[in-house]
Amino acid sequence: MPGIREVRRLPWSAQQMYDLVADVGRYAEFLPWVVATRVRSDNETEMVADMMVGFKALREKFTSRVIKNRPERIEVIYVDGPMRDLDNVWHFRALDDGGCEVDFCVDFTFRNAVFEALAGQYFDRAFRKMVNAFEARAEALYGSSSSSANSAA
């Protein structure tokens, strides 16, 4: 299964970044290609959510189970959708300066091996664009540094 990983040191706290990533219901407000989200169930440790992604006339729905371990880890397990598999894990590690290190990895498998070979090369670019969108959202919500930020939850 192909995978992509990104590690970033950010000025916001691990709790703030956890809250931002766990707020699936607001993804359509800032993530590219996310048209809509629907949270089917949610509690402190688990969520089931649908995400509709689209580009031009193409629309696909993904259903995922989200395992939450506040504020260190969020694991997203693919349940249903157009791919064979699409899982990701976020790790949030507090740093001494008040910021955090975010370690995000995604593993994916397309149903069609030929499509995977073609789309896989663009998946990396799309992944990085989405990671950048989370960072921009954090800046919009919390300011440019953790000293001026408050948690969204």
Protein backbone atom coordinates (compact mmCIF):
# COMPACT_ATOMS: atom_id res chain seq x y z
CA MET A 1 0.00 0.00 0.00
CA PRO A 2 1.53 3.36 -1.03
CA GLY A 3 1.97 5.90 1.73
CA ILE A 4 2.95 9.50 2.30
CA ARG A 5 4.25 11.07 5.50
CA GLU A 6 4.74 14.66 6.61
CA VAL A 7 6.28 15.88 9.89
CA ARG A 8 6.00 19.56 10.82
CA ARG A 9 6.94 21.65 13.82
CA LEU A 10 4.19 24.19 14.40
CA PRO A 11 3.79 27.12 16.83
CA TRP A 12 0.41 25.91 18.12
CA SER A 13 -0.13 23.48 20.99
CA ALA A 14 -0.75 19.78 20.51
CA GLN A 15 -4.24 20.29 21.98
CA GLN A 16 -5.05 23.05 19.49
CA MET A 17 -3.91 20.98 16.52
CA TYR A 18 -5.76 17.94 17.84
CA ASP A 19 -8.97 20.00 18.17
CA LEU A 20 -8.60 21.34 14.63
CA VAL A 21 -8.09 17.88 13.09
CA ALA A 22 -10.86 16.30 15.20
CA ASP A 23 -13.38 18.93 14.02
CA VAL A 24 -14.36 16.92 10.93
CA GLY A 25 -17.71 18.70 10.63
CA ARG A 26 -15.91 21.90 9.57
CA TYR A 27 -13.57 20.41 6.94
CA ALA A 28 -15.67 21.74 4.05
CA GLU A 29 -14.86 25.27 5.28
CA PHE A 30 -11.13 25.00 4.59
CA LEU A 31 -10.00 21.75 2.96
CA PRO A 32 -9.59 21.72 -0.81
CA TRP A 33 -11.91 19.34 -2.63
CA VAL A 34 -14.06 18.67 0.47
CA VAL A 35 -17.60 19.53 -0.59
CA ALA A 36 -19.45 18.40 2.55
CA THR A 37 -19.09 16.35 5.72
CA ARG A 38 -21.61 14.57 7.90
CA VAL A 39 -20.77 13.28 11.36
CA ARG A 40 -22.91 10.19 11.95
CA SER A 41 -21.81 9.59 15.53
CA ASP A 42 -19.28 11.19 17.86
CA ASN A 43 -18.00 10.78 21.40
CA GLU A 44 -14.71 11.37 23.24
CA THR A 45 -12.98 8.32 21.74
CA GLU A 46 -14.66 7.54 18.40
CA MET A 47 -16.45 9.17 15.50
CA VAL A 48 -18.02 7.88 12.29
CA ALA A 49 -18.19 10.44 9.51
CA ASP A 50 -18.91 10.79 5.80
CA MET A 51 -16.91 13.13 3.63
CA MET A 52 -17.94 14.14 0.13
CA VAL A 53 -15.00 15.15 -2.03
CA GLY A 54 -15.29 16.63 -5.46
CA PHE A 55 -13.46 18.15 -8.35
CA LYS A 56 -15.53 19.72 -11.11
CA ALA A 57 -18.37 17.25 -11.90
CA LEU A 58 -16.74 14.32 -10.08
CA ARG A 59 -18.10 13.58 -6.58
CA GLU A 60 -17.21 10.66 -4.27
CA LYS A 61 -18.29 9.84 -0.72
CA PHE A 62 -15.91 8.34 1.82
CA THR A 63 -16.97 6.91 5.18
CA SER A 64 -14.41 6.64 7.96
CA ARG A 65 -14.17 5.62 11.59
CA VAL A 66 -12.05 8.05 13.60
CA ILE A 67 -10.33 6.79 16.76
CA LYS A 68 -9.48 9.68 19.06
CA ASN A 69 -6.86 9.72 21.82
CA ARG A 70 -6.82 13.33 23.06
CA PRO A 71 -4.45 15.15 22.54
CA GLU A 72 -1.80 12.76 21.20
CA ARG A 73 -3.31 10.81 18.31
CA ILE A 74 -6.13 10.58 15.76
CA GLU A 75 -6.44 7.49 13.59
CA VAL A 76 -8.76 7.48 10.58
CA ILE A 77 -9.87 4.05 9.36
CA TYR A 78 -11.48 3.75 5.94
CA VAL A 79 -14.91 2.09 6.04
CA ASP A 80 -16.41 2.64 2.60
CA GLY A 81 -15.89 4.57 -0.61
CA PRO A 82 -14.36 4.42 -4.06
CA MET A 83 -10.91 3.24 -2.96
CA ARG A 84 -9.78 -0.11 -1.63
CA ASP A 85 -8.17 1.55 1.39
CA LEU A 86 -7.43 5.04 2.72
CA ASP A 87 -6.17 5.20 6.29
CA ASN A 88 -4.32 7.95 8.07
CA VAL A 89 -2.80 8.69 11.46
CA TRP A 90 -2.04 12.01 13.11
CA HIS A 91 0.41 12.21 16.04
CA PHE A 92 0.67 15.42 18.06
CA ARG A 93 3.71 15.85 20.31
CA ALA A 94 4.01 18.84 22.64
CA LEU A 95 7.27 20.79 22.42
CA ASP A 96 8.99 22.71 25.22
CA ASP A 97 8.40 26.05 23.44
CA GLY A 98 4.59 25.59 23.61
CA GLY A 99 4.30 24.46 20.01
CA CYS A 100 4.00 20.92 18.76
CA GLU A 101 5.28 18.45 16.25
CA VAL A 102 2.63 17.03 13.95
CA ASP A 103 3.42 13.70 12.31
CA PHE A 104 0.81 12.81 9.68
CA CYS A 105 0.87 9.76 7.45
CA VAL A 106 -1.64 8.39 4.98
CA ASP A 107 -1.74 4.97 3.33
CA PHE A 108 -3.93 4.39 0.29
CA THR A 109 -4.81 1.73 -2.24
CA PHE A 110 -6.96 2.32 -5.30
CA ARG A 111 -9.29 -0.43 -6.50
CA ASN A 112 -7.68 -0.28 -9.95
CA ALA A 113 -3.89 -0.83 -10.08
CA VAL A 114 -3.51 1.13 -13.33
CA PHE A 115 -5.42 4.09 -11.85
CA GLU A 116 -3.26 3.84 -8.72
CA ALA A 117 -0.11 4.12 -10.83
CA LEU A 118 -1.48 7.19 -12.62
CA ALA A 119 -3.20 8.92 -9.72
CA GLY A 120 -0.53 8.06 -7.17
CA GLN A 121 1.83 10.64 -8.60
CA TYR A 122 -0.80 13.37 -8.07
CA PHE A 123 -1.85 12.07 -4.67
CA ASP A 124 1.41 13.32 -3.15
CA ARG A 125 0.74 16.87 -4.36
CA ALA A 126 -2.88 16.75 -3.19
CA PHE A 127 -1.75 15.42 0.21
CA ARG A 128 0.71 18.28 0.69
CA LYS A 129 -1.95 20.83 -0.34
CA MET A 130 -4.30 19.44 2.31
CA VAL A 131 -1.59 19.51 5.01
CA ASN A 132 -0.95 23.15 4.10
CA ALA A 133 -4.69 23.84 4.43
CA PHE A 134 -4.69 22.51 8.01
CA GLU A 135 -1.74 24.77 8.82
CA ALA A 136 -3.46 27.81 7.28
CA ARG A 137 -6.63 26.98 9.22
CA ALA A 138 -4.62 26.85 12.47
CA GLU A 139 -3.18 30.28 11.73
CA ALA A 140 -6.66 31.66 10.98
CA LEU A 141 -8.10 30.20 14.20
CA TYR A 142 -5.22 30.62 16.63
CA GLY A 143 -3.04 33.41 15.23
CA SER A 144 0.57 33.21 14.13
CA SER A 145 1.91 31.81 17.41
CA SER A 146 0.75 29.73 20.36
CA SER A 147 1.13 32.68 22.75
CA SER A 148 -1.92 34.39 21.23
CA ALA A 149 -3.98 31.26 20.64
CA ASN A 150 -6.91 29.64 22.36
CA SER A 151 -8.24 26.13 21.89
CA ALA A 152 -11.18 25.78 19.49
CA ALA A 153 -12.93 23.10 21.50
